[in-house]
Amino acid sequence: MIAKRHGCGHRIWVEFRWTGFRYAPVYRDNDEESPTVGEYTAHCPTCGEFLSSDVLLSEDAYLGSLGDAPPAG
């Protein structure tokens, strides 16, 4: 699984499942404060936008878009 963030800031887990023909992304709510945490979803639980690879950012890219530096580690 890969941790991503939607443009609105909501955390999403992305898993890839084999469909018999190709791997397809499956999205799961990963925001601890969300009432739907851990549930599979096709739309962002915060803003309702349809989830796809185009609208999800890596944690570093999301933090960079806010002007914050990612934590040193």
C-alpha atoms as a PDB file:
ATOM      1  CA  MET A   1       0.000   0.000   0.000  1.00  0.00           C
ATOM      2  CA  ILE A   2       1.034   3.552  -0.673  1.00  0.00           C
ATOM      3  CA  ALA A   3       0.068   6.531   1.484  1.00  0.00           C
ATOM      4  CA  LYS A   4      -1.165   9.500  -0.557  1.00  0.00           C
ATOM      5  CA  ARG A   5      -3.099  12.702   0.046  1.00  0.00           C
ATOM      6  CA  HIS A   6      -5.914  14.221  -1.917  1.00  0.00           C
ATOM      7  CA  GLY A   7      -5.575  17.890  -2.896  1.00  0.00           C
ATOM      8  CA  CYS A   8      -7.911  18.845  -0.029  1.00  0.00           C
ATOM      9  CA  GLY A   9      -5.532  17.147   2.441  1.00  0.00           C
ATOM     10  CA  HIS A  10      -7.467  13.944   3.160  1.00  0.00           C
ATOM     11  CA  ARG A  11      -5.191  10.902   3.610  1.00  0.00           C
ATOM     12  CA  ILE A  12      -5.834   7.946   1.300  1.00  0.00           C
ATOM     13  CA  TRP A  13      -4.217   4.486   1.086  1.00  0.00           C
ATOM     14  CA  VAL A  14      -3.740   3.162  -2.447  1.00  0.00           C
ATOM     15  CA  GLU A  15      -3.491  -0.599  -3.018  1.00  0.00           C
ATOM     16  CA  PHE A  16      -3.083  -2.312  -6.362  1.00  0.00           C
ATOM     17  CA  ARG A  17      -5.111  -5.457  -7.014  1.00  0.00           C
ATOM     18  CA  TRP A  18      -4.778  -7.896  -9.869  1.00  0.00           C
ATOM     19  CA  THR A  19      -7.996  -8.030 -11.906  1.00  0.00           C
ATOM     20  CA  GLY A  20      -6.960 -10.961 -14.100  1.00  0.00           C
ATOM     21  CA  PHE A  21      -5.904  -8.576 -16.836  1.00  0.00           C
ATOM     22  CA  ARG A  22      -4.036  -5.748 -15.086  1.00  0.00           C
ATOM     23  CA  TYR A  23      -3.404  -4.175 -11.702  1.00  0.00           C
ATOM     24  CA  ALA A  24      -6.079  -1.668 -10.707  1.00  0.00           C
ATOM     25  CA  PRO A  25      -5.841   0.912  -7.909  1.00  0.00           C
ATOM     26  CA  VAL A  26      -8.173   0.496  -4.934  1.00  0.00           C
ATOM     27  CA  TYR A  27      -8.570   3.402  -2.506  1.00  0.00           C
ATOM     28  CA  ARG A  28      -9.092   3.253   1.256  1.00  0.00           C
ATOM     29  CA  ASP A  29      -9.729   6.057   3.747  1.00  0.00           C
ATOM     30  CA  ASN A  30      -6.574   6.592   5.803  1.00  0.00           C
ATOM     31  CA  ASP A  31      -7.488   9.680   7.829  1.00  0.00           C
ATOM     32  CA  GLU A  32      -7.550   8.785  11.537  1.00  0.00           C
ATOM     33  CA  GLU A  33     -10.103  11.521  12.304  1.00  0.00           C
ATOM     34  CA  SER A  34     -12.539  10.369   9.606  1.00  0.00           C
ATOM     35  CA  PRO A  35     -15.629   8.335  10.548  1.00  0.00           C
ATOM     36  CA  THR A  36     -14.950   6.090   7.522  1.00  0.00           C
ATOM     37  CA  VAL A  37     -11.297   5.315   8.329  1.00  0.00           C
ATOM     38  CA  GLY A  38     -10.250   1.945   6.892  1.00  0.00           C
ATOM     39  CA  GLU A  39     -13.194   1.706   4.505  1.00  0.00           C
ATOM     40  CA  TYR A  40     -12.839   1.362   0.731  1.00  0.00           C
ATOM     41  CA  THR A  41     -13.998   4.402  -1.210  1.00  0.00           C
ATOM     42  CA  ALA A  42     -14.191   5.766  -4.753  1.00  0.00           C
ATOM     43  CA  HIS A  43     -14.659   9.396  -3.664  1.00  0.00           C
ATOM     44  CA  CYS A  44     -12.741  11.601  -1.252  1.00  0.00           C
ATOM     45  CA  PRO A  45     -14.558  11.466   2.115  1.00  0.00           C
ATOM     46  CA  THR A  46     -13.793  15.160   2.740  1.00  0.00           C
ATOM     47  CA  CYS A  47     -14.678  16.902  -0.530  1.00  0.00           C
ATOM     48  CA  GLY A  48     -16.439  14.175  -2.548  1.00  0.00           C
ATOM     49  CA  GLU A  49     -14.164  14.330  -5.608  1.00  0.00           C
ATOM     50  CA  PHE A  50     -13.746  11.059  -7.542  1.00  0.00           C
ATOM     51  CA  LEU A  51     -10.406   9.448  -6.666  1.00  0.00           C
ATOM     52  CA  SER A  52      -7.839   8.673  -9.345  1.00  0.00           C
ATOM     53  CA  SER A  53      -4.073   8.696  -9.681  1.00  0.00           C
ATOM     54  CA  ASP A  54      -4.309  12.193 -11.192  1.00  0.00           C
ATOM     55  CA  VAL A  55      -5.719  13.832  -8.060  1.00  0.00           C
ATOM     56  CA  LEU A  56      -3.588  12.133  -5.383  1.00  0.00           C
ATOM     57  CA  LEU A  57      -0.250  13.486  -4.209  1.00  0.00           C
ATOM     58  CA  SER A  58       2.598  11.864  -2.326  1.00  0.00           C
ATOM     59  CA  GLU A  59       3.008  13.085   1.261  1.00  0.00           C
ATOM     60  CA  ASP A  60       6.143  15.061   0.265  1.00  0.00           C
ATOM     61  CA  ALA A  61       4.434  16.680  -2.744  1.00  0.00           C
ATOM     62  CA  TYR A  62       1.413  17.614  -0.634  1.00  0.00           C
ATOM     63  CA  LEU A  63       3.541  19.177   2.102  1.00  0.00           C
ATOM     64  CA  GLY A  64       5.614  20.990  -0.548  1.00  0.00           C
ATOM     65  CA  SER A  65       2.453  22.483  -2.034  1.00  0.00           C
ATOM     66  CA  LEU A  66       1.715  23.995   1.383  1.00  0.00           C
ATOM     67  CA  GLY A  67       5.165  25.568   1.549  1.00  0.00           C
ATOM     68  CA  ASP A  68       6.264  23.288   4.398  1.00  0.00           C
ATOM     69  CA  ALA A  69       9.366  21.177   4.211  1.00  0.00           C
ATOM     70  CA  PRO A  70       8.899  17.441   4.746  1.00  0.00           C
ATOM     71  CA  PRO A  71      10.133  16.214   8.135  1.00  0.00           C
ATOM     72  CA  ALA A  72      13.801  15.302   8.238  1.00  0.00           C
ATOM     73  CA  GLY A  73      14.343  11.661   8.729  1.00  0.00           C
END
